Structures are given as structure tokens and as C-alpha cells.
Amino acid sequence: MPKIAIEAVEQHNMTSYPAPFHEPVAGRWQRRLGAAAGLTALGASHVVLKPGGWSSQRHWHHGEDEFLIMLSGEAVLIEDGGETILRAGDCAAWAMGEANGHHLVNRSEADCAFICLSAGERARGGEYSDIDMIFTAEGYKRKDGTPYPPREA
């Protein structure tokens, strides 16, 4: 089995979220491990959240399962049903189609890190629980279907 040199995979904090929804994820740094390894059906990312950083806007997927493994530090998992603290060794999972908006927020004073795995049909899209946005194969749209304009770099 080929070993992935995590540090050799480019780390970035890019997001395609339209303004102003991109701002809370500025403290999210990720490495796309699955893509770097040539995987095509399984997404795998190593994510570091700086203090105050969000993993994403709170969302759920119509056609994609997600599985998260905390590696270090502490983050607050925020879901429709409330908040749960996740620490190293903790896992969380969300089944495709389950309308349970979720994301992690680092409320601590230190970095936290986790691995997020995903599989399914991302093109089927999903929804954001707290904001007027959905995602589709064509990009981000308001819940009435109106596309968001691209954000300037």
C-alpha cells in the first residue's frame, strides 16, 4: 500500500463559497489526500482548523456519506440537535440524504486536526441549514434556484 506523505500534499485555505459565506472558513487549512493519491470514488481530506475557524457552513448532502476522525485538539460539532465536543480519537458520521446540517467550529485556543472521508454522488448536491444557499452540480445557488455570482479572487 502506498504511503501518503501528508506534509508533501499542498495545504490550502481556498473556498468557492460566495461572499460573505467564505469568511468563517478562512481559518480552515486542508490537504486533499484522496485526490493526491489518485482516488476517484472516495474523498479524503486532512483538515486543520485554527482557533475560531469553521470547517464549513452548516450543511448536509443529498448523495454523499461523510465520516470524520478527530486527530488532535478539540472542536465543537454543531448539528440540528445541538452541540457536541469532539476530541482526538472521536468519530462522527452523516449518512447521505439525512437532513442534519453539521459543521465543526474550533472554539479553543489551539489548532485542531481531523480527517474527513466522503463517498457518493457529490453532484446530487445538498443544502445549507442556516443560510440561503444550496449546492448543485452547477454551483452555489439561493434556495429559490438563483445562482450566486462568482466571488472575485
C-alpha atoms as a PDB file:
ATOM      1  CA  MET A   1       0.000   0.000   0.000  1.00  0.00           C
ATOM      2  CA  PRO A   2       1.498   3.356  -0.984  1.00  0.00           C
ATOM      3  CA  LYS A   3       2.225   5.633   1.941  1.00  0.00           C
ATOM      4  CA  ILE A   4       0.980   9.204   1.566  1.00  0.00           C
ATOM      5  CA  ALA A   5       3.441  11.841   2.727  1.00  0.00           C
ATOM      6  CA  ILE A   6       0.849  14.208   4.197  1.00  0.00           C
ATOM      7  CA  GLU A   7       3.285  17.106   4.536  1.00  0.00           C
ATOM      8  CA  ALA A   8       4.093  16.818   0.815  1.00  0.00           C
ATOM      9  CA  VAL A   9       0.446  17.408  -0.183  1.00  0.00           C
ATOM     10  CA  GLU A  10      -0.321  21.080  -0.798  1.00  0.00           C
ATOM     11  CA  GLN A  11      -2.135  22.738   2.085  1.00  0.00           C
ATOM     12  CA  HIS A  12      -4.578  25.500   1.192  1.00  0.00           C
ATOM     13  CA  ASN A  13      -7.424  27.507   2.651  1.00  0.00           C
ATOM     14  CA  MET A  14      -9.270  28.167  -0.592  1.00  0.00           C
ATOM     15  CA  THR A  15     -13.044  28.038  -0.764  1.00  0.00           C
ATOM     16  CA  SER A  16     -15.501  28.635  -3.576  1.00  0.00           C
ATOM     17  CA  TYR A  17     -18.228  29.845  -1.209  1.00  0.00           C
ATOM     18  CA  PRO A  18     -19.749  33.112  -2.402  1.00  0.00           C
ATOM     19  CA  ALA A  19     -19.340  36.246  -0.274  1.00  0.00           C
ATOM     20  CA  PRO A  20     -19.908  36.647   2.601  1.00  0.00           C
ATOM     21  CA  PHE A  21     -20.153  32.915   3.358  1.00  0.00           C
ATOM     22  CA  HIS A  22     -16.430  32.350   2.727  1.00  0.00           C
ATOM     23  CA  GLU A  23     -15.330  34.446   5.722  1.00  0.00           C
ATOM     24  CA  PRO A  24     -15.833  31.926   8.614  1.00  0.00           C
ATOM     25  CA  VAL A  25     -13.798  29.240   6.812  1.00  0.00           C
ATOM     26  CA  ALA A  26     -10.694  31.441   6.429  1.00  0.00           C
ATOM     27  CA  GLY A  27      -9.168  29.528   9.375  1.00  0.00           C
ATOM     28  CA  ARG A  28      -9.602  26.134   7.655  1.00  0.00           C
ATOM     29  CA  TRP A  29      -6.464  24.645   6.109  1.00  0.00           C
ATOM     30  CA  GLN A  30      -6.840  21.411   4.173  1.00  0.00           C
ATOM     31  CA  ARG A  31      -4.916  18.864   2.193  1.00  0.00           C
ATOM     32  CA  ARG A  32      -6.852  16.838  -0.385  1.00  0.00           C
ATOM     33  CA  LEU A  33      -5.286  13.446   0.309  1.00  0.00           C
ATOM     34  CA  GLY A  34      -7.664  11.395  -1.818  1.00  0.00           C
ATOM     35  CA  ALA A  35      -7.059  13.475  -4.916  1.00  0.00           C
ATOM     36  CA  ALA A  36      -3.295  13.477  -4.312  1.00  0.00           C
ATOM     37  CA  ALA A  37      -3.376   9.663  -4.131  1.00  0.00           C
ATOM     38  CA  GLY A  38      -5.411   9.399  -7.353  1.00  0.00           C
ATOM     39  CA  LEU A  39      -8.629   8.261  -5.687  1.00  0.00           C
ATOM     40  CA  THR A  40     -11.750   8.892  -7.754  1.00  0.00           C
ATOM     41  CA  ALA A  41     -14.628   7.484  -5.668  1.00  0.00           C
ATOM     42  CA  LEU A  42     -13.500   8.335  -2.132  1.00  0.00           C
ATOM     43  CA  GLY A  43     -12.740  11.825  -0.882  1.00  0.00           C
ATOM     44  CA  ALA A  44     -10.203  12.108   1.920  1.00  0.00           C
ATOM     45  CA  SER A  45      -9.002  15.382   3.395  1.00  0.00           C
ATOM     46  CA  HIS A  46      -6.680  16.285   6.257  1.00  0.00           C
ATOM     47  CA  VAL A  47      -8.098  19.451   7.824  1.00  0.00           C
ATOM     48  CA  VAL A  48      -6.612  21.853  10.370  1.00  0.00           C
ATOM     49  CA  LEU A  49      -8.867  24.433  11.999  1.00  0.00           C
ATOM     50  CA  LYS A  50      -7.166  27.445  13.508  1.00  0.00           C
ATOM     51  CA  PRO A  51      -8.767  28.945  16.635  1.00  0.00           C
ATOM     52  CA  GLY A  52     -12.092  30.463  15.592  1.00  0.00           C
ATOM     53  CA  GLY A  53     -12.139  28.573  12.281  1.00  0.00           C
ATOM     54  CA  TRP A  54     -15.131  26.751  10.850  1.00  0.00           C
ATOM     55  CA  SER A  55     -14.909  23.532   8.815  1.00  0.00           C
ATOM     56  CA  SER A  56     -17.696  24.744   6.503  1.00  0.00           C
ATOM     57  CA  GLN A  57     -21.058  26.393   6.597  1.00  0.00           C
ATOM     58  CA  ARG A  58     -23.542  24.059   8.307  1.00  0.00           C
ATOM     59  CA  HIS A  59     -24.668  21.666   5.555  1.00  0.00           C
ATOM     60  CA  TRP A  60     -25.873  18.200   4.568  1.00  0.00           C
ATOM     61  CA  HIS A  61     -25.551  16.129   1.367  1.00  0.00           C
ATOM     62  CA  HIS A  62     -28.283  14.569  -0.761  1.00  0.00           C
ATOM     63  CA  GLY A  63     -25.959  11.925  -2.228  1.00  0.00           C
ATOM     64  CA  GLU A  64     -22.773  11.721  -0.196  1.00  0.00           C
ATOM     65  CA  ASP A  65     -21.825   9.968   3.055  1.00  0.00           C
ATOM     66  CA  GLU A  66     -19.299  11.676   5.348  1.00  0.00           C
ATOM     67  CA  PHE A  67     -17.085  10.241   8.097  1.00  0.00           C
ATOM     68  CA  LEU A  68     -14.827  12.303  10.355  1.00  0.00           C
ATOM     69  CA  ILE A  69     -11.961  11.215  12.644  1.00  0.00           C
ATOM     70  CA  MET A  70     -10.526  13.751  15.104  1.00  0.00           C
ATOM     71  CA  LEU A  71      -6.742  13.533  15.261  1.00  0.00           C
ATOM     72  CA  SER A  72      -5.774  16.277  17.685  1.00  0.00           C
ATOM     73  CA  GLY A  73      -7.147  19.204  19.609  1.00  0.00           C
ATOM     74  CA  GLU A  74     -10.794  19.920  20.213  1.00  0.00           C
ATOM     75  CA  ALA A  75     -13.700  21.189  18.096  1.00  0.00           C
ATOM     76  CA  VAL A  76     -17.401  21.713  18.659  1.00  0.00           C
ATOM     77  CA  LEU A  77     -19.652  19.716  16.345  1.00  0.00           C
ATOM     78  CA  ILE A  78     -22.803  21.741  15.694  1.00  0.00           C
ATOM     79  CA  GLU A  79     -25.777  19.822  14.305  1.00  0.00           C
ATOM     80  CA  ASP A  80     -29.538  20.362  14.152  1.00  0.00           C
ATOM     81  CA  GLY A  81     -29.868  18.591  17.516  1.00  0.00           C
ATOM     82  CA  GLY A  82     -27.263  20.630  19.389  1.00  0.00           C
ATOM     83  CA  GLU A  83     -23.551  20.753  20.133  1.00  0.00           C
ATOM     84  CA  THR A  84     -21.014  18.019  20.947  1.00  0.00           C
ATOM     85  CA  ILE A  85     -17.341  18.412  21.786  1.00  0.00           C
ATOM     86  CA  LEU A  86     -15.051  16.203  19.680  1.00  0.00           C
ATOM     87  CA  ARG A  87     -11.522  15.360  20.799  1.00  0.00           C
ATOM     88  CA  ALA A  88      -8.697  13.186  19.456  1.00  0.00           C
ATOM     89  CA  GLY A  89      -9.970   9.678  18.749  1.00  0.00           C
ATOM     90  CA  ASP A  90     -13.627  10.710  18.428  1.00  0.00           C
ATOM     91  CA  CYS A  91     -15.510   9.935  15.218  1.00  0.00           C
ATOM     92  CA  ALA A  92     -18.705  11.276  13.679  1.00  0.00           C
ATOM     93  CA  ALA A  93     -20.661  10.221  10.601  1.00  0.00           C
ATOM     94  CA  TRP A  94     -23.503  11.523   8.457  1.00  0.00           C
ATOM     95  CA  ALA A  95     -25.486   9.373   6.035  1.00  0.00           C
ATOM     96  CA  MET A  96     -26.387  10.765   2.644  1.00  0.00           C
ATOM     97  CA  GLY A  97     -29.865  12.221   2.456  1.00  0.00           C
ATOM     98  CA  GLU A  98     -30.169  12.738   6.212  1.00  0.00           C
ATOM     99  CA  ALA A  99     -31.212  16.387   6.653  1.00  0.00           C
ATOM    100  CA  ASN A 100     -28.949  17.114   9.627  1.00  0.00           C
ATOM    101  CA  GLY A 101     -26.935  20.252   8.986  1.00  0.00           C
ATOM    102  CA  HIS A 102     -23.484  19.954  10.552  1.00  0.00           C
ATOM    103  CA  HIS A 103     -20.079  21.585  10.816  1.00  0.00           C
ATOM    104  CA  LEU A 104     -17.168  21.933  13.244  1.00  0.00           C
ATOM    105  CA  VAL A 105     -16.056  25.139  14.941  1.00  0.00           C
ATOM    106  CA  ASN A 106     -12.754  25.482  16.778  1.00  0.00           C
ATOM    107  CA  ARG A 107     -13.611  27.467  19.922  1.00  0.00           C
ATOM    108  CA  SER A 108     -10.334  26.542  21.633  1.00  0.00           C
ATOM    109  CA  GLU A 109      -7.078  28.492  21.685  1.00  0.00           C
ATOM    110  CA  ALA A 110      -5.110  25.816  19.807  1.00  0.00           C
ATOM    111  CA  ASP A 111      -5.284  24.206  16.370  1.00  0.00           C
ATOM    112  CA  CYS A 112      -7.304  21.036  15.917  1.00  0.00           C
ATOM    113  CA  ALA A 113      -6.929  18.472  13.140  1.00  0.00           C
ATOM    114  CA  PHE A 114      -9.149  15.797  11.623  1.00  0.00           C
ATOM    115  CA  ILE A 115      -9.534  13.517   8.636  1.00  0.00           C
ATOM    116  CA  CYS A 116     -12.777  13.727   6.692  1.00  0.00           C
ATOM    117  CA  LEU A 117     -13.798  10.928   4.319  1.00  0.00           C
ATOM    118  CA  SER A 118     -16.648  11.128   1.819  1.00  0.00           C
ATOM    119  CA  ALA A 119     -18.160   8.887  -0.822  1.00  0.00           C
ATOM    120  CA  GLY A 120     -21.179   9.011  -3.066  1.00  0.00           C
ATOM    121  CA  GLU A 121     -22.517  11.331  -5.716  1.00  0.00           C
ATOM    122  CA  ARG A 122     -21.486  14.888  -4.791  1.00  0.00           C
ATOM    123  CA  ALA A 123     -23.204  16.130  -7.957  1.00  0.00           C
ATOM    124  CA  ARG A 124     -26.568  15.385  -6.321  1.00  0.00           C
ATOM    125  CA  GLY A 125     -25.901  18.455  -4.194  1.00  0.00           C
ATOM    126  CA  GLY A 126     -27.004  19.446  -0.758  1.00  0.00           C
ATOM    127  CA  GLU A 127     -28.316  22.203   1.437  1.00  0.00           C
ATOM    128  CA  TYR A 128     -27.096  24.723   3.986  1.00  0.00           C
ATOM    129  CA  SER A 129     -29.156  24.882   7.165  1.00  0.00           C
ATOM    130  CA  ASP A 130     -28.514  28.433   8.366  1.00  0.00           C
ATOM    131  CA  ILE A 131     -28.122  30.458   5.186  1.00  0.00           C
ATOM    132  CA  ASP A 132     -29.925  30.992   1.874  1.00  0.00           C
ATOM    133  CA  MET A 133     -27.742  28.610  -0.121  1.00  0.00           C
ATOM    134  CA  ILE A 134     -27.755  25.175  -1.742  1.00  0.00           C
ATOM    135  CA  PHE A 135     -25.046  23.448  -3.766  1.00  0.00           C
ATOM    136  CA  THR A 136     -25.633  21.674  -7.071  1.00  0.00           C
ATOM    137  CA  ALA A 137     -23.513  20.275  -9.875  1.00  0.00           C
ATOM    138  CA  GLU A 138     -23.767  23.745 -11.442  1.00  0.00           C
ATOM    139  CA  GLY A 139     -22.512  25.569  -8.340  1.00  0.00           C
ATOM    140  CA  TYR A 140     -23.912  27.566  -5.427  1.00  0.00           C
ATOM    141  CA  LYS A 141     -27.449  28.894  -5.637  1.00  0.00           C
ATOM    142  CA  ARG A 142     -30.007  30.559  -3.418  1.00  0.00           C
ATOM    143  CA  LYS A 143     -32.744  28.237  -2.206  1.00  0.00           C
ATOM    144  CA  ASP A 144     -35.056  29.681  -4.906  1.00  0.00           C
ATOM    145  CA  GLY A 145     -32.553  28.455  -7.556  1.00  0.00           C
ATOM    146  CA  THR A 146     -30.998  31.853  -8.365  1.00  0.00           C
ATOM    147  CA  PRO A 147     -27.239  31.366  -8.911  1.00  0.00           C
ATOM    148  CA  TYR A 148     -24.765  33.273  -6.765  1.00  0.00           C
ATOM    149  CA  PRO A 149     -22.304  35.348  -8.781  1.00  0.00           C
ATOM    150  CA  PRO A 150     -18.700  34.093  -8.674  1.00  0.00           C
ATOM    151  CA  ARG A 151     -16.645  35.670  -5.897  1.00  0.00           C
ATOM    152  CA  GLU A 152     -13.740  37.820  -7.068  1.00  0.00           C
ATOM    153  CA  ALA A 153     -10.324  36.488  -6.076  1.00  0.00           C
END
